Amino acid sequence: MTRLRKNLVDAILVVCALVVTGLAVRNQFATPKAPRPRADPQVVAEWMDYQVPARRIGSDRAPVSMVVFSDYQCPFCRNLWSVLDSLVDESPERVAVTVRHLPIDAIHPQARQASSLAECARVDGRFHEADSLLFVWPDSVKLARWESIARAAGVRRPAEMPRCMKSREIAAIVAADSSAADRLGARGTPMLLINDRLVRGYVDLATLKDIVRKVR
């Protein structure tokens, strides 16, 4: 092989190596895409069993009742929370939402505590505020700043939050939610039960509105 051909081959190999390295770096740091929901949502005959009227946000007469199983450290759950908030604001008489908990302990070490905080805030009548802050302040969740979140949510005695979060009653609520999700065959979060339609994964606002129009 002549020196010129050898240099050309070496140059090509270097370029290929740089391209492969660049693709690997891009894949490593790229923002993950949200999982797409099933095109045809699964029908759940016993869907009423998963409703929790006492934990419902929205009108008691709303014909569309959504149950969302969520994890406060799940970025796709955070995106879905924003979508649901917009939908309820647009259709307050048609859509109601019940938040249930499905903390994925293996990858989200603060998620279960965050769920416990939300339920303690519910006892004080501040669930919606705490639920919103837990998604809006992900760094506070990661650093376990529970008292600060409780104070910002308007809980009357935020200093007592850690004790409440460790109570058996609150732990039982979170565990019951996870068990309900397991019965539905949960494979991750978020998961939505829209009346009798089960949707797995993140759903954008347009898709969610389309599903809402079809349910009875």
C-alpha atoms as a PDB file:
ATOM      1  CA  MET A   1       0.000   0.000   0.000  1.00  0.00           C
ATOM      2  CA  THR A   2       1.416   3.397  -0.921  1.00  0.00           C
ATOM      3  CA  ARG A   3       1.941   6.011   1.769  1.00  0.00           C
ATOM      4  CA  LEU A   4      -0.795   8.182   0.193  1.00  0.00           C
ATOM      5  CA  ARG A   5      -3.354   5.359   0.268  1.00  0.00           C
ATOM      6  CA  LYS A   6      -2.347   4.460   3.819  1.00  0.00           C
ATOM      7  CA  ASN A   7      -2.820   8.052   4.966  1.00  0.00           C
ATOM      8  CA  LEU A   8      -6.209   8.191   3.263  1.00  0.00           C
ATOM      9  CA  VAL A   9      -7.384   4.977   4.961  1.00  0.00           C
ATOM     10  CA  ASP A  10      -6.144   6.256   8.336  1.00  0.00           C
ATOM     11  CA  ALA A  11      -8.020   9.516   7.817  1.00  0.00           C
ATOM     12  CA  ILE A  12     -11.245   7.669   6.973  1.00  0.00           C
ATOM     13  CA  LEU A  13     -10.916   5.484  10.067  1.00  0.00           C
ATOM     14  CA  VAL A  14     -10.399   8.564  12.264  1.00  0.00           C
ATOM     15  CA  VAL A  15     -13.497  10.249  10.825  1.00  0.00           C
ATOM     16  CA  CYS A  16     -15.582   7.101  11.372  1.00  0.00           C
ATOM     17  CA  ALA A  17     -14.372   6.873  14.965  1.00  0.00           C
ATOM     18  CA  LEU A  18     -15.318  10.509  15.587  1.00  0.00           C
ATOM     19  CA  VAL A  19     -18.787   9.993  14.100  1.00  0.00           C
ATOM     20  CA  VAL A  20     -19.438   6.907  16.239  1.00  0.00           C
ATOM     21  CA  THR A  21     -18.205   8.708  19.356  1.00  0.00           C
ATOM     22  CA  GLY A  22     -20.398  11.703  18.582  1.00  0.00           C
ATOM     23  CA  LEU A  23     -23.483   9.528  18.182  1.00  0.00           C
ATOM     24  CA  ALA A  24     -22.756   7.744  21.454  1.00  0.00           C
ATOM     25  CA  VAL A  25     -22.404  11.044  23.320  1.00  0.00           C
ATOM     26  CA  ARG A  26     -25.594  12.391  21.762  1.00  0.00           C
ATOM     27  CA  ASN A  27     -27.538   9.283  22.762  1.00  0.00           C
ATOM     28  CA  GLN A  28     -26.182   9.435  26.297  1.00  0.00           C
ATOM     29  CA  PHE A  29     -27.201  13.031  26.936  1.00  0.00           C
ATOM     30  CA  ALA A  30     -30.318  13.333  24.783  1.00  0.00           C
ATOM     31  CA  THR A  31     -33.619  13.955  26.551  1.00  0.00           C
ATOM     32  CA  PRO A  32     -35.539  10.660  26.637  1.00  0.00           C
ATOM     33  CA  LYS A  33     -38.729  10.555  24.607  1.00  0.00           C
ATOM     34  CA  ALA A  34     -41.932   9.989  26.480  1.00  0.00           C
ATOM     35  CA  PRO A  35     -43.410   6.525  25.987  1.00  0.00           C
ATOM     36  CA  ARG A  36     -46.381   6.615  23.637  1.00  0.00           C
ATOM     37  CA  PRO A  37     -49.729   5.398  24.950  1.00  0.00           C
ATOM     38  CA  ARG A  38     -51.411   2.419  23.354  1.00  0.00           C
ATOM     39  CA  ALA A  39     -53.341   3.442  20.238  1.00  0.00           C
ATOM     40  CA  ASP A  40     -56.367   1.463  21.435  1.00  0.00           C
ATOM     41  CA  PRO A  41     -56.803   1.873  25.217  1.00  0.00           C
ATOM     42  CA  GLN A  42     -57.611  -1.260  27.174  1.00  0.00           C
ATOM     43  CA  VAL A  43     -61.158  -1.519  28.527  1.00  0.00           C
ATOM     44  CA  VAL A  44     -61.461  -2.204  32.274  1.00  0.00           C
ATOM     45  CA  ALA A  45     -64.891  -3.595  33.145  1.00  0.00           C
ATOM     46  CA  GLU A  46     -64.502  -3.037  36.917  1.00  0.00           C
ATOM     47  CA  TRP A  47     -63.245   0.552  36.524  1.00  0.00           C
ATOM     48  CA  MET A  48     -65.534   1.901  39.269  1.00  0.00           C
ATOM     49  CA  ASP A  49     -63.562  -0.119  41.834  1.00  0.00           C
ATOM     50  CA  TYR A  50     -60.573   2.195  41.288  1.00  0.00           C
ATOM     51  CA  GLN A  51     -62.436   5.431  41.971  1.00  0.00           C
ATOM     52  CA  VAL A  52     -61.808   7.160  45.304  1.00  0.00           C
ATOM     53  CA  PRO A  53     -64.596   9.770  45.708  1.00  0.00           C
ATOM     54  CA  ALA A  54     -63.067  11.241  48.868  1.00  0.00           C
ATOM     55  CA  ARG A  55     -59.867  12.030  46.941  1.00  0.00           C
ATOM     56  CA  ARG A  56     -61.507  13.425  43.816  1.00  0.00           C
ATOM     57  CA  ILE A  57     -60.521  16.825  42.382  1.00  0.00           C
ATOM     58  CA  GLY A  58     -63.331  18.403  40.399  1.00  0.00           C
ATOM     59  CA  SER A  59     -67.096  18.225  40.227  1.00  0.00           C
ATOM     60  CA  ASP A  60     -68.863  15.231  41.773  1.00  0.00           C
ATOM     61  CA  ARG A  61     -71.183  15.321  38.760  1.00  0.00           C
ATOM     62  CA  ALA A  62     -68.402  15.242  36.143  1.00  0.00           C
ATOM     63  CA  PRO A  63     -69.207  12.483  33.615  1.00  0.00           C
ATOM     64  CA  VAL A  64     -65.539  11.779  32.944  1.00  0.00           C
ATOM     65  CA  SER A  65     -63.584  10.515  35.922  1.00  0.00           C
ATOM     66  CA  MET A  66     -59.838  10.077  35.602  1.00  0.00           C
ATOM     67  CA  VAL A  67     -57.677   8.094  37.982  1.00  0.00           C
ATOM     68  CA  VAL A  68     -53.980   8.784  37.481  1.00  0.00           C
ATOM     69  CA  PHE A  69     -51.307   6.559  39.018  1.00  0.00           C
ATOM     70  CA  SER A  70     -48.226   8.687  39.376  1.00  0.00           C
ATOM     71  CA  ASP A  71     -44.671   8.963  40.764  1.00  0.00           C
ATOM     72  CA  TYR A  72     -43.420  12.374  41.898  1.00  0.00           C
ATOM     73  CA  GLN A  73     -39.915  11.754  40.542  1.00  0.00           C
ATOM     74  CA  CYS A  74     -41.121  10.576  37.126  1.00  0.00           C
ATOM     75  CA  PRO A  75     -40.554  13.292  34.469  1.00  0.00           C
ATOM     76  CA  PHE A  76     -43.355  11.928  32.279  1.00  0.00           C
ATOM     77  CA  CYS A  77     -45.724  12.102  35.261  1.00  0.00           C
ATOM     78  CA  ARG A  78     -44.726  15.743  35.697  1.00  0.00           C
ATOM     79  CA  ASN A  79     -45.611  16.432  32.063  1.00  0.00           C
ATOM     80  CA  LEU A  80     -48.924  14.609  32.392  1.00  0.00           C
ATOM     81  CA  TRP A  81     -49.761  16.557  35.568  1.00  0.00           C
ATOM     82  CA  SER A  82     -49.528  19.762  33.533  1.00  0.00           C
ATOM     83  CA  VAL A  83     -51.775  18.303  30.808  1.00  0.00           C
ATOM     84  CA  LEU A  84     -54.400  17.149  33.323  1.00  0.00           C
ATOM     85  CA  ASP A  85     -54.333  20.523  35.058  1.00  0.00           C
ATOM     86  CA  SER A  86     -55.025  22.254  31.745  1.00  0.00           C
ATOM     87  CA  LEU A  87     -57.845  19.840  30.888  1.00  0.00           C
ATOM     88  CA  VAL A  88     -59.605  20.293  34.234  1.00  0.00           C
ATOM     89  CA  ASP A  89     -59.296  24.077  33.902  1.00  0.00           C
ATOM     90  CA  GLU A  90     -60.884  23.900  30.432  1.00  0.00           C
ATOM     91  CA  SER A  91     -63.658  21.452  31.364  1.00  0.00           C
ATOM     92  CA  PRO A  92     -64.288  21.717  35.134  1.00  0.00           C
ATOM     93  CA  GLU A  93     -67.841  20.365  34.882  1.00  0.00           C
ATOM     94  CA  ARG A  94     -66.959  17.490  32.561  1.00  0.00           C
ATOM     95  CA  VAL A  95     -63.669  16.140  33.962  1.00  0.00           C
ATOM     96  CA  ALA A  96     -62.609  15.184  37.489  1.00  0.00           C
ATOM     97  CA  VAL A  97     -59.282  13.678  38.548  1.00  0.00           C
ATOM     98  CA  THR A  98     -58.237  11.376  41.359  1.00  0.00           C
ATOM     99  CA  VAL A  99     -54.512  11.118  42.039  1.00  0.00           C
ATOM    100  CA  ARG A 100     -53.261   7.740  43.249  1.00  0.00           C
ATOM    101  CA  HIS A 101     -49.682   6.828  44.031  1.00  0.00           C
ATOM    102  CA  LEU A 102     -47.306   4.421  42.358  1.00  0.00           C
ATOM    103  CA  PRO A 103     -43.789   5.257  43.607  1.00  0.00           C
ATOM    104  CA  ILE A 104     -41.091   3.309  41.755  1.00  0.00           C
ATOM    105  CA  ASP A 105     -38.685   2.770  44.654  1.00  0.00           C
ATOM    106  CA  ALA A 106     -35.962   1.084  42.615  1.00  0.00           C
ATOM    107  CA  ILE A 107     -35.210   4.206  40.573  1.00  0.00           C
ATOM    108  CA  HIS A 108     -36.898   7.026  42.508  1.00  0.00           C
ATOM    109  CA  PRO A 109     -35.748   6.858  46.141  1.00  0.00           C
ATOM    110  CA  GLN A 110     -37.717   9.930  47.331  1.00  0.00           C
ATOM    111  CA  ALA A 111     -40.966   9.171  45.494  1.00  0.00           C
ATOM    112  CA  ARG A 112     -42.641   7.221  48.305  1.00  0.00           C
ATOM    113  CA  GLN A 113     -41.878   9.943  50.844  1.00  0.00           C
ATOM    114  CA  ALA A 114     -43.226  12.531  48.416  1.00  0.00           C
ATOM    115  CA  SER A 115     -46.468  10.551  48.122  1.00  0.00           C
ATOM    116  CA  SER A 116     -46.673  10.401  51.910  1.00  0.00           C
ATOM    117  CA  LEU A 117     -46.253  14.183  52.105  1.00  0.00           C
ATOM    118  CA  ALA A 118     -49.065  14.683  49.596  1.00  0.00           C
ATOM    119  CA  GLU A 119     -51.391  12.483  51.642  1.00  0.00           C
ATOM    120  CA  CYS A 120     -50.476  14.293  54.865  1.00  0.00           C
ATOM    121  CA  ALA A 121     -51.276  17.565  53.115  1.00  0.00           C
ATOM    122  CA  ARG A 122     -54.630  16.078  52.061  1.00  0.00           C
ATOM    123  CA  VAL A 123     -55.496  15.537  55.733  1.00  0.00           C
ATOM    124  CA  ASP A 124     -54.947  19.289  56.181  1.00  0.00           C
ATOM    125  CA  GLY A 125     -57.003  20.139  53.097  1.00  0.00           C
ATOM    126  CA  ARG A 126     -53.941  21.140  51.037  1.00  0.00           C
ATOM    127  CA  PHE A 127     -53.478  18.186  48.714  1.00  0.00           C
ATOM    128  CA  HIS A 128     -53.806  20.076  45.432  1.00  0.00           C
ATOM    129  CA  GLU A 129     -51.230  22.643  46.541  1.00  0.00           C
ATOM    130  CA  ALA A 130     -48.754  19.982  47.719  1.00  0.00           C
ATOM    131  CA  ASP A 131     -49.326  17.838  44.628  1.00  0.00           C
ATOM    132  CA  SER A 132     -48.517  20.808  42.384  1.00  0.00           C
ATOM    133  CA  LEU A 133     -45.391  21.811  44.308  1.00  0.00           C
ATOM    134  CA  LEU A 134     -44.018  18.267  44.323  1.00  0.00           C
ATOM    135  CA  PHE A 135     -44.013  18.372  40.529  1.00  0.00           C
ATOM    136  CA  VAL A 136     -42.962  22.021  40.143  1.00  0.00           C
ATOM    137  CA  TRP A 137     -40.054  21.685  42.595  1.00  0.00           C
ATOM    138  CA  PRO A 138     -38.323  18.418  41.595  1.00  0.00           C
ATOM    139  CA  ASP A 139     -35.038  19.529  43.181  1.00  0.00           C
ATOM    140  CA  SER A 140     -36.759  19.955  46.542  1.00  0.00           C
ATOM    141  CA  VAL A 141     -38.118  16.418  46.249  1.00  0.00           C
ATOM    142  CA  LYS A 142     -34.676  15.081  45.365  1.00  0.00           C
ATOM    143  CA  LEU A 143     -33.177  16.839  48.406  1.00  0.00           C
ATOM    144  CA  ALA A 144     -36.090  15.770  50.649  1.00  0.00           C
ATOM    145  CA  ARG A 145     -37.016  19.303  51.692  1.00  0.00           C
ATOM    146  CA  TRP A 146     -40.359  18.147  53.021  1.00  0.00           C
ATOM    147  CA  GLU A 147     -40.943  20.846  55.621  1.00  0.00           C
ATOM    148  CA  SER A 148     -40.267  23.593  53.062  1.00  0.00           C
ATOM    149  CA  ILE A 149     -42.714  22.053  50.588  1.00  0.00           C
ATOM    150  CA  ALA A 150     -45.352  21.655  53.306  1.00  0.00           C
ATOM    151  CA  ARG A 151     -44.936  25.276  54.388  1.00  0.00           C
ATOM    152  CA  ALA A 152     -45.229  26.542  50.813  1.00  0.00           C
ATOM    153  CA  ALA A 153     -48.352  24.394  50.331  1.00  0.00           C
ATOM    154  CA  GLY A 154     -49.999  26.117  53.285  1.00  0.00           C
ATOM    155  CA  VAL A 155     -50.004  23.177  55.702  1.00  0.00           C
ATOM    156  CA  ARG A 156     -50.795  24.549  59.154  1.00  0.00           C
ATOM    157  CA  ARG A 157     -48.050  22.723  61.063  1.00  0.00           C
ATOM    158  CA  PRO A 158     -45.255  22.010  58.567  1.00  0.00           C
ATOM    159  CA  ALA A 159     -42.779  21.079  61.317  1.00  0.00           C
ATOM    160  CA  GLU A 160     -44.958  18.040  62.094  1.00  0.00           C
ATOM    161  CA  MET A 161     -44.828  16.797  58.514  1.00  0.00           C
ATOM    162  CA  PRO A 162     -41.962  14.274  59.000  1.00  0.00           C
ATOM    163  CA  ARG A 163     -43.876  12.544  61.808  1.00  0.00           C
ATOM    164  CA  CYS A 164     -47.073  12.376  59.758  1.00  0.00           C
ATOM    165  CA  MET A 165     -45.188  10.984  56.763  1.00  0.00           C
ATOM    166  CA  LYS A 166     -43.975   8.053  58.892  1.00  0.00           C
ATOM    167  CA  SER A 167     -47.432   7.133  60.181  1.00  0.00           C
ATOM    168  CA  ARG A 168     -48.935   3.721  59.463  1.00  0.00           C
ATOM    169  CA  GLU A 169     -52.157   5.283  58.177  1.00  0.00           C
ATOM    170  CA  ILE A 170     -50.392   7.273  55.473  1.00  0.00           C
ATOM    171  CA  ALA A 171     -48.157   4.344  54.508  1.00  0.00           C
ATOM    172  CA  ALA A 172     -51.275   2.181  54.132  1.00  0.00           C
ATOM    173  CA  ILE A 173     -52.873   4.664  51.715  1.00  0.00           C
ATOM    174  CA  VAL A 174     -49.794   4.735  49.466  1.00  0.00           C
ATOM    175  CA  ALA A 175     -49.468   0.939  49.621  1.00  0.00           C
ATOM    176  CA  ALA A 176     -53.150   0.471  48.730  1.00  0.00           C
ATOM    177  CA  ASP A 177     -52.711   2.703  45.680  1.00  0.00           C
ATOM    178  CA  SER A 178     -49.718   0.681  44.509  1.00  0.00           C
ATOM    179  CA  SER A 179     -51.660  -2.552  44.985  1.00  0.00           C
ATOM    180  CA  ALA A 180     -54.524  -1.163  42.905  1.00  0.00           C
ATOM    181  CA  ALA A 181     -52.059  -0.260  40.139  1.00  0.00           C
ATOM    182  CA  ASP A 182     -50.637  -3.791  40.275  1.00  0.00           C
ATOM    183  CA  ARG A 183     -54.123  -5.236  39.763  1.00  0.00           C
ATOM    184  CA  LEU A 184     -54.359  -3.150  36.602  1.00  0.00           C
ATOM    185  CA  GLY A 185     -51.089  -4.630  35.397  1.00  0.00           C
ATOM    186  CA  ALA A 186     -48.969  -1.538  35.904  1.00  0.00           C
ATOM    187  CA  ARG A 187     -45.620  -1.619  34.149  1.00  0.00           C
ATOM    188  CA  GLY A 188     -44.531   1.890  35.039  1.00  0.00           C
ATOM    189  CA  THR A 189     -45.782   5.444  35.370  1.00  0.00           C
ATOM    190  CA  PRO A 190     -47.821   7.335  34.472  1.00  0.00           C
ATOM    191  CA  MET A 191     -50.947   5.241  34.034  1.00  0.00           C
ATOM    192  CA  LEU A 192     -54.431   6.678  33.471  1.00  0.00           C
ATOM    193  CA  LEU A 193     -57.862   5.159  33.929  1.00  0.00           C
ATOM    194  CA  ILE A 194     -60.352   7.358  32.047  1.00  0.00           C
ATOM    195  CA  ASN A 195     -63.729   5.922  33.048  1.00  0.00           C
ATOM    196  CA  ASP A 196     -63.276   2.379  31.699  1.00  0.00           C
ATOM    197  CA  ARG A 197     -60.327   3.117  29.371  1.00  0.00           C
ATOM    198  CA  LEU A 198     -56.830   2.271  30.633  1.00  0.00           C
ATOM    199  CA  VAL A 199     -54.010   4.284  29.048  1.00  0.00           C
ATOM    200  CA  ARG A 200     -50.369   3.566  29.814  1.00  0.00           C
ATOM    201  CA  GLY A 201     -47.712   6.228  29.431  1.00  0.00           C
ATOM    202  CA  TYR A 202     -47.696   9.954  28.804  1.00  0.00           C
ATOM    203  CA  VAL A 203     -50.617  11.433  26.855  1.00  0.00           C
ATOM    204  CA  ASP A 204     -50.505  14.882  25.260  1.00  0.00           C
ATOM    205  CA  LEU A 205     -53.449  17.261  25.567  1.00  0.00           C
ATOM    206  CA  ALA A 206     -54.812  16.669  22.061  1.00  0.00           C
ATOM    207  CA  THR A 207     -54.770  12.870  22.481  1.00  0.00           C
ATOM    208  CA  LEU A 208     -56.331  13.106  25.921  1.00  0.00           C
ATOM    209  CA  LYS A 209     -59.159  15.311  24.644  1.00  0.00           C
ATOM    210  CA  ASP A 210     -59.826  12.793  21.878  1.00  0.00           C
ATOM    211  CA  ILE A 211     -60.082   9.937  24.408  1.00  0.00           C
ATOM    212  CA  VAL A 212     -62.332  12.026  26.668  1.00  0.00           C
ATOM    213  CA  ARG A 213     -64.711  12.650  23.754  1.00  0.00           C
ATOM    214  CA  LYS A 214     -65.050   8.911  23.153  1.00  0.00           C
ATOM    215  CA  VAL A 215     -65.673   7.686  26.703  1.00  0.00           C
ATOM    216  CA  ARG A 216     -69.165   7.356  28.126  1.00  0.00           C
END
